Amino acid sequence: MVPFDAHAWLLTDPETSVGSAPVAQVPCLPELPRLIRLKYLTDVNRWTTIGEVALLREATGGDLSRSLLWRELLADYDVSDVASLVFVDRYGCWGFLDLWRMGADARFSRAEARFLAAIVDPVTAALRRCQADTFVERPARAAHPLGPVVLLLSPDLAVLGQTPETEGYLRTLIPPEHGRAPIPASAYNVGAQLLAVEAGVDQNPPTARVHLADGLWVTLRAARLGGAEAADKRDIAVSIEETSAAERVTLFGRAFGLSARERELLGHLTTGTDTRELARRMFLSEHTVQDHLKSIFTKTSTRNRRTLLTRALGT
């Protein structure tokens, strides 16, 4: 067991590594936009650069002020060490976890770090399986016609406004406590990634795909509004839209652990290509194409092309 005083755990888009579905219990929830902004702008122990586990006190040589996040926020809450875990495999980044310890002498030991490192691989595999399980055949009643779903944020990620349909989608993404408005944490994350890109901290695009409900995946994107002000003074628009077929198929292939060749074949299948044409396009024999198809069916627990494509495309 590894005790901790607070935590933040985020599922991420496996391709962009941007957080999409956060769960957190931290003492600074009223400052959540600031926490997320600083997390994305801090290069020390950023989840996109560390191995399985990294300790803040160790990474800074004991000088915690080298971390922007600690210097600007965590110090105010008496945080004395943070253990950061990233759940990544060859198919992508599926999430990251920060564990906080608070108090002057509280710190994580190397033995605790080794324990945490030992659970990273099984947790990563479980997270990927959970994402794969969301690709179900969507029932007719699950139709979610997306109108203009847009959230407007200030440069500091404060909510300035939103379109009428936005609240319903935010409630589905992260259900709030009874009687409370939803917290747009997913929007904060893509907005913070935009700031990180502008600051040169990371180059992944400010987008994240997340499962909404009943097999429906949506994509959040952040972009600056136009205007005469300097770019860093302009407000940020976060859009929520149904994930495109191409982006969904890519995600499907990663979640089910398809090989690069199998993902290529799946992409051709979505265009209605028959076996002979598949073989020609991929410079393979028809027998080899059939072998790849059998492997895909096994990995995705499907038995035919129709079921495979229904789940992959969400149609």
C-alpha atoms as a PDB file:
ATOM      1  CA  MET A   1       0.000   0.000   0.000  1.00  0.00           C
ATOM      2  CA  VAL A   2       1.133   3.531  -0.819  1.00  0.00           C
ATOM      3  CA  PRO A   3      -0.738   6.193   1.184  1.00  0.00           C
ATOM      4  CA  PHE A   4      -1.368   9.656  -0.235  1.00  0.00           C
ATOM      5  CA  ASP A   5      -3.264  12.802   0.721  1.00  0.00           C
ATOM      6  CA  ALA A   6      -4.725  13.858  -2.642  1.00  0.00           C
ATOM      7  CA  HIS A   7      -4.813  12.618  -6.202  1.00  0.00           C
ATOM      8  CA  ALA A   8      -5.658  13.506  -9.791  1.00  0.00           C
ATOM      9  CA  TRP A   9      -6.258  10.703 -12.304  1.00  0.00           C
ATOM     10  CA  LEU A  10      -6.996  11.422 -15.946  1.00  0.00           C
ATOM     11  CA  LEU A  11      -7.873   9.247 -18.878  1.00  0.00           C
ATOM     12  CA  THR A  12      -6.203  10.596 -21.998  1.00  0.00           C
ATOM     13  CA  ASP A  13      -6.576  10.479 -25.732  1.00  0.00           C
ATOM     14  CA  PRO A  14      -4.029   7.770 -26.609  1.00  0.00           C
ATOM     15  CA  GLU A  15      -2.770   9.677 -29.634  1.00  0.00           C
ATOM     16  CA  THR A  16      -2.498  13.243 -28.294  1.00  0.00           C
ATOM     17  CA  SER A  17      -1.951  12.357 -24.584  1.00  0.00           C
ATOM     18  CA  VAL A  18      -4.396  15.161 -23.680  1.00  0.00           C
ATOM     19  CA  GLY A  19      -6.652  14.551 -20.677  1.00  0.00           C
ATOM     20  CA  SER A  20     -10.287  13.852 -21.442  1.00  0.00           C
ATOM     21  CA  ALA A  21     -11.960  12.265 -18.400  1.00  0.00           C
ATOM     22  CA  PRO A  22     -10.503  13.415 -15.063  1.00  0.00           C
ATOM     23  CA  VAL A  23     -11.231  12.171 -11.562  1.00  0.00           C
ATOM     24  CA  ALA A  24      -9.651  14.162  -8.749  1.00  0.00           C
ATOM     25  CA  GLN A  25      -9.765  14.640  -5.012  1.00  0.00           C
ATOM     26  CA  VAL A  26      -7.598  17.644  -4.259  1.00  0.00           C
ATOM     27  CA  PRO A  27      -7.848  20.487  -1.730  1.00  0.00           C
ATOM     28  CA  CYS A  28      -7.770  23.155  -4.437  1.00  0.00           C
ATOM     29  CA  LEU A  29     -10.909  22.306  -6.439  1.00  0.00           C
ATOM     30  CA  PRO A  30     -12.058  25.954  -6.410  1.00  0.00           C
ATOM     31  CA  GLU A  31      -8.830  26.678  -8.303  1.00  0.00           C
ATOM     32  CA  LEU A  32      -9.237  23.808 -10.762  1.00  0.00           C
ATOM     33  CA  PRO A  33      -8.708  25.860 -13.950  1.00  0.00           C
ATOM     34  CA  ARG A  34      -5.478  27.225 -12.483  1.00  0.00           C
ATOM     35  CA  LEU A  35      -4.337  23.764 -11.371  1.00  0.00           C
ATOM     36  CA  ILE A  36      -4.909  22.285 -14.830  1.00  0.00           C
ATOM     37  CA  ARG A  37      -3.288  25.237 -16.605  1.00  0.00           C
ATOM     38  CA  LEU A  38      -0.156  24.985 -14.455  1.00  0.00           C
ATOM     39  CA  LYS A  39      -0.047  21.198 -14.788  1.00  0.00           C
ATOM     40  CA  TYR A  40       0.089  21.464 -18.572  1.00  0.00           C
ATOM     41  CA  LEU A  41       2.625  24.304 -18.538  1.00  0.00           C
ATOM     42  CA  THR A  42       5.037  22.532 -16.160  1.00  0.00           C
ATOM     43  CA  ASP A  43       7.792  20.553 -17.847  1.00  0.00           C
ATOM     44  CA  VAL A  44       9.147  18.923 -14.663  1.00  0.00           C
ATOM     45  CA  ASN A  45       7.729  15.372 -14.496  1.00  0.00           C
ATOM     46  CA  ARG A  46       5.237  16.066 -17.278  1.00  0.00           C
ATOM     47  CA  TRP A  47       3.467  12.806 -18.134  1.00  0.00           C
ATOM     48  CA  THR A  48       4.535  13.112 -21.766  1.00  0.00           C
ATOM     49  CA  THR A  49       8.224  12.989 -20.822  1.00  0.00           C
ATOM     50  CA  ILE A  50       8.597  10.636 -17.836  1.00  0.00           C
ATOM     51  CA  GLY A  51       8.983   6.876 -17.625  1.00  0.00           C
ATOM     52  CA  GLU A  52       6.548   4.794 -15.598  1.00  0.00           C
ATOM     53  CA  VAL A  53       6.957   6.658 -12.279  1.00  0.00           C
ATOM     54  CA  ALA A  54       8.656   9.914 -11.292  1.00  0.00           C
ATOM     55  CA  LEU A  55       8.936  11.599  -7.889  1.00  0.00           C
ATOM     56  CA  LEU A  56       8.873  15.391  -7.691  1.00  0.00           C
ATOM     57  CA  ARG A  57      11.335  15.717  -4.818  1.00  0.00           C
ATOM     58  CA  GLU A  58      13.757  13.409  -6.593  1.00  0.00           C
ATOM     59  CA  ALA A  59      13.396  15.092  -9.994  1.00  0.00           C
ATOM     60  CA  THR A  60      14.067  18.547  -8.537  1.00  0.00           C
ATOM     61  CA  GLY A  61      16.956  17.465  -6.317  1.00  0.00           C
ATOM     62  CA  GLY A  62      14.943  18.638  -3.325  1.00  0.00           C
ATOM     63  CA  ASP A  63      14.393  22.128  -4.772  1.00  0.00           C
ATOM     64  CA  LEU A  64      10.650  21.864  -5.378  1.00  0.00           C
ATOM     65  CA  SER A  65      10.508  25.447  -6.633  1.00  0.00           C
ATOM     66  CA  ARG A  66      11.983  24.209  -9.922  1.00  0.00           C
ATOM     67  CA  SER A  67       8.443  22.986 -10.674  1.00  0.00           C
ATOM     68  CA  LEU A  68       6.132  25.733 -11.938  1.00  0.00           C
ATOM     69  CA  LEU A  69       3.100  23.860 -10.619  1.00  0.00           C
ATOM     70  CA  TRP A  70       4.574  23.540  -7.135  1.00  0.00           C
ATOM     71  CA  ARG A  71       5.915  27.086  -7.063  1.00  0.00           C
ATOM     72  CA  GLU A  72       2.673  28.723  -8.191  1.00  0.00           C
ATOM     73  CA  LEU A  73       0.087  26.502  -6.471  1.00  0.00           C
ATOM     74  CA  LEU A  74       1.054  23.310  -4.644  1.00  0.00           C
ATOM     75  CA  ALA A  75       3.309  25.118  -2.169  1.00  0.00           C
ATOM     76  CA  ASP A  76       0.232  26.962  -0.878  1.00  0.00           C
ATOM     77  CA  TYR A  77      -1.327  23.614   0.046  1.00  0.00           C
ATOM     78  CA  ASP A  78       1.733  22.240   1.858  1.00  0.00           C
ATOM     79  CA  VAL A  79       2.389  19.608  -0.808  1.00  0.00           C
ATOM     80  CA  SER A  80       5.848  18.182  -0.153  1.00  0.00           C
ATOM     81  CA  ASP A  81       6.090  15.454  -2.810  1.00  0.00           C
ATOM     82  CA  VAL A  82       4.205  14.164  -5.846  1.00  0.00           C
ATOM     83  CA  ALA A  83       4.430  10.693  -7.362  1.00  0.00           C
ATOM     84  CA  SER A  84       3.547  10.847 -11.062  1.00  0.00           C
ATOM     85  CA  LEU A  85       2.582   7.734 -13.021  1.00  0.00           C
ATOM     86  CA  VAL A  86       1.900   7.477 -16.744  1.00  0.00           C
ATOM     87  CA  PHE A  87      -0.035   4.598 -18.287  1.00  0.00           C
ATOM     88  CA  VAL A  88       1.411   4.167 -21.758  1.00  0.00           C
ATOM     89  CA  ASP A  89       2.065   1.226 -24.059  1.00  0.00           C
ATOM     90  CA  ARG A  90       2.997   0.827 -27.716  1.00  0.00           C
ATOM     91  CA  TYR A  91      -0.556   1.716 -28.719  1.00  0.00           C
ATOM     92  CA  GLY A  92      -0.668   5.070 -26.948  1.00  0.00           C
ATOM     93  CA  CYS A  93      -1.000   6.974 -23.686  1.00  0.00           C
ATOM     94  CA  TRP A  94      -4.144   5.909 -21.805  1.00  0.00           C
ATOM     95  CA  GLY A  95      -3.898   8.036 -18.694  1.00  0.00           C
ATOM     96  CA  PHE A  96      -1.780   9.535 -15.952  1.00  0.00           C
ATOM     97  CA  LEU A  97      -1.996   9.785 -12.177  1.00  0.00           C
ATOM     98  CA  ASP A  98      -0.553  12.228  -9.661  1.00  0.00           C
ATOM     99  CA  LEU A  99      -0.437  11.288  -5.965  1.00  0.00           C
ATOM    100  CA  TRP A 100       0.222  14.125  -3.516  1.00  0.00           C
ATOM    101  CA  ARG A 101       1.752  13.970  -0.077  1.00  0.00           C
ATOM    102  CA  MET A 102       1.311  16.925   2.248  1.00  0.00           C
ATOM    103  CA  GLY A 103       3.298  17.980   5.305  1.00  0.00           C
ATOM    104  CA  ALA A 104       6.851  19.141   5.883  1.00  0.00           C
ATOM    105  CA  ASP A 105       8.465  15.697   6.079  1.00  0.00           C
ATOM    106  CA  ALA A 106       6.140  13.734   3.802  1.00  0.00           C
ATOM    107  CA  ARG A 107       7.836  12.184   0.785  1.00  0.00           C
ATOM    108  CA  PHE A 108       7.676   9.046  -1.335  1.00  0.00           C
ATOM    109  CA  SER A 109      10.410   6.445  -0.900  1.00  0.00           C
ATOM    110  CA  ARG A 110      12.163   4.539  -3.673  1.00  0.00           C
ATOM    111  CA  ALA A 111      10.510   1.366  -2.380  1.00  0.00           C
ATOM    112  CA  GLU A 112       7.100   2.980  -2.852  1.00  0.00           C
ATOM    113  CA  ALA A 113       8.119   4.151  -6.312  1.00  0.00           C
ATOM    114  CA  ARG A 114       9.088   0.575  -7.215  1.00  0.00           C
ATOM    115  CA  PHE A 115       5.720  -0.669  -5.953  1.00  0.00           C
ATOM    116  CA  LEU A 116       3.902   1.905  -8.079  1.00  0.00           C
ATOM    117  CA  ALA A 117       6.028   1.023 -11.102  1.00  0.00           C
ATOM    118  CA  ALA A 118       5.043  -2.631 -10.714  1.00  0.00           C
ATOM    119  CA  ILE A 119       1.344  -1.830 -11.156  1.00  0.00           C
ATOM    120  CA  VAL A 120       1.733   0.438 -14.185  1.00  0.00           C
ATOM    121  CA  ASP A 121       1.662  -2.286 -16.860  1.00  0.00           C
ATOM    122  CA  PRO A 122      -1.445  -4.128 -15.580  1.00  0.00           C
ATOM    123  CA  VAL A 123      -3.299  -0.856 -15.014  1.00  0.00           C
ATOM    124  CA  THR A 124      -2.368   0.319 -18.516  1.00  0.00           C
ATOM    125  CA  ALA A 125      -3.705  -2.900 -20.028  1.00  0.00           C
ATOM    126  CA  ALA A 126      -6.913  -2.566 -18.001  1.00  0.00           C
ATOM    127  CA  LEU A 127      -7.444   1.046 -19.089  1.00  0.00           C
ATOM    128  CA  ARG A 128      -7.007   0.117 -22.736  1.00  0.00           C
ATOM    129  CA  ARG A 129      -9.472  -2.787 -22.369  1.00  0.00           C
ATOM    130  CA  CYS A 130     -11.999  -0.454 -20.756  1.00  0.00           C
ATOM    131  CA  GLN A 131     -11.741   1.908 -23.711  1.00  0.00           C
ATOM    132  CA  ALA A 132     -12.115  -0.994 -26.132  1.00  0.00           C
ATOM    133  CA  ASP A 133     -15.283  -2.067 -24.307  1.00  0.00           C
ATOM    134  CA  THR A 134     -16.964   1.240 -25.189  1.00  0.00           C
ATOM    135  CA  PHE A 135     -17.028   0.362 -28.895  1.00  0.00           C
ATOM    136  CA  VAL A 136     -20.429  -1.292 -28.868  1.00  0.00           C
ATOM    137  CA  GLU A 137     -23.143  -1.382 -31.492  1.00  0.00           C
ATOM    138  CA  ARG A 138     -25.088   1.782 -30.792  1.00  0.00           C
ATOM    139  CA  PRO A 139     -28.828   1.337 -30.182  1.00  0.00           C
ATOM    140  CA  ALA A 140     -31.170   3.517 -32.200  1.00  0.00           C
ATOM    141  CA  ARG A 141     -32.273   5.342 -29.060  1.00  0.00           C
ATOM    142  CA  ALA A 142     -28.655   6.398 -28.469  1.00  0.00           C
ATOM    143  CA  ALA A 143     -28.731   9.025 -31.210  1.00  0.00           C
ATOM    144  CA  HIS A 144     -27.154  12.264 -29.960  1.00  0.00           C
ATOM    145  CA  PRO A 145     -27.643  14.900 -32.659  1.00  0.00           C
ATOM    146  CA  LEU A 146     -24.877  17.371 -31.949  1.00  0.00           C
ATOM    147  CA  GLY A 147     -25.782  20.976 -32.487  1.00  0.00           C
ATOM    148  CA  PRO A 148     -23.218  23.726 -31.991  1.00  0.00           C
ATOM    149  CA  VAL A 149     -21.610  22.704 -28.691  1.00  0.00           C
ATOM    150  CA  VAL A 150     -19.058  25.359 -27.773  1.00  0.00           C
ATOM    151  CA  LEU A 151     -17.565  26.570 -24.503  1.00  0.00           C
ATOM    152  CA  LEU A 152     -15.810  29.935 -24.330  1.00  0.00           C
ATOM    153  CA  LEU A 153     -12.830  30.262 -21.964  1.00  0.00           C
ATOM    154  CA  SER A 154     -10.677  33.209 -20.978  1.00  0.00           C
ATOM    155  CA  PRO A 155      -6.880  32.996 -21.436  1.00  0.00           C
ATOM    156  CA  ASP A 156      -6.775  31.821 -17.791  1.00  0.00           C
ATOM    157  CA  LEU A 157      -9.418  29.134 -18.551  1.00  0.00           C
ATOM    158  CA  ALA A 158     -12.281  30.832 -16.722  1.00  0.00           C
ATOM    159  CA  VAL A 159     -15.659  30.004 -18.281  1.00  0.00           C
ATOM    160  CA  LEU A 160     -17.076  33.026 -20.120  1.00  0.00           C
ATOM    161  CA  GLY A 161     -20.055  31.414 -21.825  1.00  0.00           C
ATOM    162  CA  GLN A 162     -21.411  28.389 -23.631  1.00  0.00           C
ATOM    163  CA  THR A 163     -24.050  27.338 -26.132  1.00  0.00           C
ATOM    164  CA  PRO A 164     -27.307  25.931 -24.687  1.00  0.00           C
ATOM    165  CA  GLU A 165     -26.545  22.276 -25.462  1.00  0.00           C
ATOM    166  CA  THR A 166     -23.132  22.343 -23.824  1.00  0.00           C
ATOM    167  CA  GLU A 167     -24.260  21.734 -20.244  1.00  0.00           C
ATOM    168  CA  GLY A 168     -26.007  18.476 -21.150  1.00  0.00           C
ATOM    169  CA  TYR A 169     -22.856  17.057 -22.685  1.00  0.00           C
ATOM    170  CA  LEU A 170     -20.713  18.206 -19.769  1.00  0.00           C
ATOM    171  CA  ARG A 171     -23.090  16.481 -17.352  1.00  0.00           C
ATOM    172  CA  THR A 172     -22.725  13.245 -19.291  1.00  0.00           C
ATOM    173  CA  LEU A 173     -18.932  13.516 -19.495  1.00  0.00           C
ATOM    174  CA  ILE A 174     -18.407  14.175 -15.777  1.00  0.00           C
ATOM    175  CA  PRO A 175     -21.657  13.811 -13.781  1.00  0.00           C
ATOM    176  CA  PRO A 176     -21.735  16.465 -11.030  1.00  0.00           C
ATOM    177  CA  GLU A 177     -23.071  16.089  -7.516  1.00  0.00           C
ATOM    178  CA  HIS A 178     -26.826  16.533  -7.209  1.00  0.00           C
ATOM    179  CA  GLY A 179     -27.892  20.130  -7.572  1.00  0.00           C
ATOM    180  CA  ARG A 180     -24.531  21.353  -8.835  1.00  0.00           C
ATOM    181  CA  ALA A 181     -23.481  22.582 -12.256  1.00  0.00           C
ATOM    182  CA  PRO A 182     -21.071  20.349 -14.178  1.00  0.00           C
ATOM    183  CA  ILE A 183     -17.368  21.154 -14.020  1.00  0.00           C
ATOM    184  CA  PRO A 184     -15.984  21.499 -17.568  1.00  0.00           C
ATOM    185  CA  ALA A 185     -12.708  19.760 -16.683  1.00  0.00           C
ATOM    186  CA  SER A 186     -12.401  18.129 -20.114  1.00  0.00           C
ATOM    187  CA  ALA A 187     -12.602  21.564 -21.722  1.00  0.00           C
ATOM    188  CA  TYR A 188     -10.020  22.923 -19.290  1.00  0.00           C
ATOM    189  CA  ASN A 189      -7.642  20.149 -20.368  1.00  0.00           C
ATOM    190  CA  VAL A 190      -7.759  20.854 -24.101  1.00  0.00           C
ATOM    191  CA  GLY A 191      -7.574  24.576 -23.375  1.00  0.00           C
ATOM    192  CA  ALA A 192      -4.509  24.024 -21.192  1.00  0.00           C
ATOM    193  CA  GLN A 193      -2.903  21.922 -23.918  1.00  0.00           C
ATOM    194  CA  LEU A 194      -3.350  24.836 -26.318  1.00  0.00           C
ATOM    195  CA  LEU A 195      -1.451  27.022 -23.846  1.00  0.00           C
ATOM    196  CA  ALA A 196       1.277  24.365 -23.572  1.00  0.00           C
ATOM    197  CA  VAL A 197       1.672  24.264 -27.348  1.00  0.00           C
ATOM    198  CA  GLU A 198       1.911  28.053 -27.505  1.00  0.00           C
ATOM    199  CA  ALA A 199       4.526  28.025 -24.724  1.00  0.00           C
ATOM    200  CA  GLY A 200       6.601  25.363 -26.475  1.00  0.00           C
ATOM    201  CA  VAL A 201       6.155  22.880 -23.616  1.00  0.00           C
ATOM    202  CA  ASP A 202       4.522  20.213 -25.795  1.00  0.00           C
ATOM    203  CA  GLN A 203       3.652  19.837 -29.470  1.00  0.00           C
ATOM    204  CA  ASN A 204       0.648  17.503 -29.368  1.00  0.00           C
ATOM    205  CA  PRO A 205      -2.508  19.130 -30.768  1.00  0.00           C
ATOM    206  CA  PRO A 206      -5.065  20.513 -28.267  1.00  0.00           C
ATOM    207  CA  THR A 207      -7.640  17.817 -28.973  1.00  0.00           C
ATOM    208  CA  ALA A 208      -8.993  14.861 -27.023  1.00  0.00           C
ATOM    209  CA  ARG A 209     -11.454  12.107 -27.884  1.00  0.00           C
ATOM    210  CA  VAL A 210     -13.630  10.749 -25.099  1.00  0.00           C
ATOM    211  CA  HIS A 211     -16.466   8.245 -24.828  1.00  0.00           C
ATOM    212  CA  LEU A 212     -19.720  10.042 -24.034  1.00  0.00           C
ATOM    213  CA  ALA A 213     -22.317   7.248 -23.769  1.00  0.00           C
ATOM    214  CA  ASP A 214     -23.775   4.255 -25.624  1.00  0.00           C
ATOM    215  CA  GLY A 215     -20.803   3.871 -27.958  1.00  0.00           C
ATOM    216  CA  LEU A 216     -20.732   7.553 -28.920  1.00  0.00           C
ATOM    217  CA  TRP A 217     -17.305   9.186 -28.942  1.00  0.00           C
ATOM    218  CA  VAL A 218     -16.882  12.956 -29.076  1.00  0.00           C
ATOM    219  CA  THR A 219     -13.859  15.107 -29.832  1.00  0.00           C
ATOM    220  CA  LEU A 220     -12.962  18.251 -27.913  1.00  0.00           C
ATOM    221  CA  ARG A 221     -10.815  20.867 -29.680  1.00  0.00           C
ATOM    222  CA  ALA A 222      -9.423  24.158 -28.433  1.00  0.00           C
ATOM    223  CA  ALA A 223      -8.511  27.184 -30.550  1.00  0.00           C
ATOM    224  CA  ARG A 224      -7.947  30.891 -30.040  1.00  0.00           C
ATOM    225  CA  LEU A 225     -10.539  33.330 -31.285  1.00  0.00           C
ATOM    226  CA  GLY A 226      -9.476  35.905 -33.817  1.00  0.00           C
ATOM    227  CA  GLY A 227      -9.053  39.534 -32.895  1.00  0.00           C
ATOM    228  CA  ALA A 228      -6.763  42.526 -32.729  1.00  0.00           C
ATOM    229  CA  GLU A 229      -5.275  41.575 -29.354  1.00  0.00           C
ATOM    230  CA  ALA A 230      -2.039  39.652 -28.940  1.00  0.00           C
ATOM    231  CA  ALA A 231      -2.615  35.909 -29.341  1.00  0.00           C
ATOM    232  CA  ASP A 232      -2.116  35.147 -25.644  1.00  0.00           C
ATOM    233  CA  LYS A 233      -4.788  37.720 -24.719  1.00  0.00           C
ATOM    234  CA  ARG A 234      -7.509  36.242 -26.907  1.00  0.00           C
ATOM    235  CA  ASP A 235     -10.252  34.018 -25.557  1.00  0.00           C
ATOM    236  CA  ILE A 236     -10.305  30.280 -26.248  1.00  0.00           C
ATOM    237  CA  ALA A 237     -13.151  28.386 -27.911  1.00  0.00           C
ATOM    238  CA  VAL A 238     -13.573  24.704 -27.047  1.00  0.00           C
ATOM    239  CA  SER A 239     -15.822  22.769 -29.412  1.00  0.00           C
ATOM    240  CA  ILE A 240     -17.396  19.370 -28.762  1.00  0.00           C
ATOM    241  CA  GLU A 241     -18.354  17.353 -31.830  1.00  0.00           C
ATOM    242  CA  GLU A 242     -19.000  13.741 -32.721  1.00  0.00           C
ATOM    243  CA  THR A 243     -15.714  12.015 -33.492  1.00  0.00           C
ATOM    244  CA  SER A 244     -15.247  11.564 -37.235  1.00  0.00           C
ATOM    245  CA  ALA A 245     -15.242   8.090 -38.764  1.00  0.00           C
ATOM    246  CA  ALA A 246     -11.519   8.257 -39.557  1.00  0.00           C
ATOM    247  CA  GLU A 247     -10.560   9.392 -36.044  1.00  0.00           C
ATOM    248  CA  ARG A 248     -12.853   6.803 -34.489  1.00  0.00           C
ATOM    249  CA  VAL A 249     -11.361   3.946 -36.537  1.00  0.00           C
ATOM    250  CA  THR A 250      -7.849   5.008 -35.537  1.00  0.00           C
ATOM    251  CA  LEU A 251      -8.859   4.985 -31.883  1.00  0.00           C
ATOM    252  CA  PHE A 252     -10.615   1.625 -32.296  1.00  0.00           C
ATOM    253  CA  GLY A 253      -7.448   0.055 -33.693  1.00  0.00           C
ATOM    254  CA  ARG A 254      -5.325   1.360 -30.824  1.00  0.00           C
ATOM    255  CA  ALA A 255      -7.806   0.296 -28.137  1.00  0.00           C
ATOM    256  CA  PHE A 256      -7.965  -3.271 -29.421  1.00  0.00           C
ATOM    257  CA  GLY A 257      -4.208  -3.550 -29.851  1.00  0.00           C
ATOM    258  CA  LEU A 258      -4.227  -4.050 -33.610  1.00  0.00           C
ATOM    259  CA  SER A 259      -0.854  -4.153 -35.329  1.00  0.00           C
ATOM    260  CA  ALA A 260       0.109  -1.410 -37.771  1.00  0.00           C
ATOM    261  CA  ARG A 261      -0.694  -3.733 -40.691  1.00  0.00           C
ATOM    262  CA  GLU A 262      -4.054  -4.669 -39.177  1.00  0.00           C
ATOM    263  CA  ARG A 263      -4.929  -1.010 -38.637  1.00  0.00           C
ATOM    264  CA  GLU A 264      -4.040  -0.298 -42.265  1.00  0.00           C
ATOM    265  CA  LEU A 265      -6.300  -3.131 -43.411  1.00  0.00           C
ATOM    266  CA  LEU A 266      -9.129  -1.882 -41.193  1.00  0.00           C
ATOM    267  CA  GLY A 267      -8.844   1.542 -42.785  1.00  0.00           C
ATOM    268  CA  HIS A 268      -9.243  -0.008 -46.240  1.00  0.00           C
ATOM    269  CA  LEU A 269     -12.245  -2.029 -45.043  1.00  0.00           C
ATOM    270  CA  THR A 270     -14.102   1.154 -44.130  1.00  0.00           C
ATOM    271  CA  THR A 271     -14.130   2.116 -47.816  1.00  0.00           C
ATOM    272  CA  GLY A 272     -15.926  -1.106 -48.786  1.00  0.00           C
ATOM    273  CA  THR A 273     -12.871  -2.679 -50.386  1.00  0.00           C
ATOM    274  CA  ASP A 274     -13.126  -6.413 -51.180  1.00  0.00           C
ATOM    275  CA  THR A 275     -10.453  -9.011 -50.432  1.00  0.00           C
ATOM    276  CA  ARG A 276      -8.897  -8.978 -53.892  1.00  0.00           C
ATOM    277  CA  GLU A 277      -8.561  -5.200 -53.923  1.00  0.00           C
ATOM    278  CA  LEU A 278      -7.245  -5.256 -50.342  1.00  0.00           C
ATOM    279  CA  ALA A 279      -4.522  -7.658 -51.413  1.00  0.00           C
ATOM    280  CA  ARG A 280      -3.594  -5.441 -54.363  1.00  0.00           C
ATOM    281  CA  ARG A 281      -3.458  -2.242 -52.316  1.00  0.00           C
ATOM    282  CA  MET A 282      -1.423  -3.798 -49.513  1.00  0.00           C
ATOM    283  CA  PHE A 283       0.857  -5.867 -51.789  1.00  0.00           C
ATOM    284  CA  LEU A 284      -0.224  -9.071 -50.047  1.00  0.00           C
ATOM    285  CA  SER A 285      -1.690 -12.378 -51.114  1.00  0.00           C
ATOM    286  CA  GLU A 286      -5.420 -12.879 -50.581  1.00  0.00           C
ATOM    287  CA  HIS A 287      -4.545 -15.675 -48.160  1.00  0.00           C
ATOM    288  CA  THR A 288      -2.470 -13.262 -46.042  1.00  0.00           C
ATOM    289  CA  VAL A 289      -5.306 -10.727 -46.070  1.00  0.00           C
ATOM    290  CA  GLN A 290      -7.655 -13.415 -44.752  1.00  0.00           C
ATOM    291  CA  ASP A 291      -5.148 -14.242 -42.000  1.00  0.00           C
ATOM    292  CA  HIS A 292      -5.043 -10.578 -40.970  1.00  0.00           C
ATOM    293  CA  LEU A 293      -8.846 -10.455 -40.962  1.00  0.00           C
ATOM    294  CA  LYS A 294      -9.049 -13.516 -38.728  1.00  0.00           C
ATOM    295  CA  SER A 295      -6.608 -11.897 -36.305  1.00  0.00           C
ATOM    296  CA  ILE A 296      -8.673  -8.690 -36.248  1.00  0.00           C
ATOM    297  CA  PHE A 297     -11.880 -10.649 -35.636  1.00  0.00           C
ATOM    298  CA  THR A 298     -10.237 -12.471 -32.739  1.00  0.00           C
ATOM    299  CA  LYS A 299      -8.854  -9.327 -31.110  1.00  0.00           C
ATOM    300  CA  THR A 300     -12.131  -7.427 -31.457  1.00  0.00           C
ATOM    301  CA  SER A 301     -14.441 -10.354 -30.588  1.00  0.00           C
ATOM    302  CA  THR A 302     -16.298  -9.990 -33.880  1.00  0.00           C
ATOM    303  CA  ARG A 303     -17.161 -12.649 -36.443  1.00  0.00           C
ATOM    304  CA  ASN A 304     -17.706 -10.772 -39.671  1.00  0.00           C
ATOM    305  CA  ARG A 305     -16.940  -7.531 -41.458  1.00  0.00           C
ATOM    306  CA  ARG A 306     -20.370  -6.024 -40.876  1.00  0.00           C
ATOM    307  CA  THR A 307     -20.154  -6.312 -37.093  1.00  0.00           C
ATOM    308  CA  LEU A 308     -16.539  -5.153 -37.113  1.00  0.00           C
ATOM    309  CA  LEU A 309     -17.327  -2.025 -39.115  1.00  0.00           C
ATOM    310  CA  THR A 310     -20.496  -1.287 -37.159  1.00  0.00           C
ATOM    311  CA  ARG A 311     -18.485  -1.160 -33.961  1.00  0.00           C
ATOM    312  CA  ALA A 312     -15.486   0.627 -35.440  1.00  0.00           C
ATOM    313  CA  LEU A 313     -17.519   3.305 -37.224  1.00  0.00           C
ATOM    314  CA  GLY A 314     -20.308   3.610 -34.667  1.00  0.00           C
ATOM    315  CA  THR A 315     -22.987   3.280 -37.327  1.00  0.00           C
END
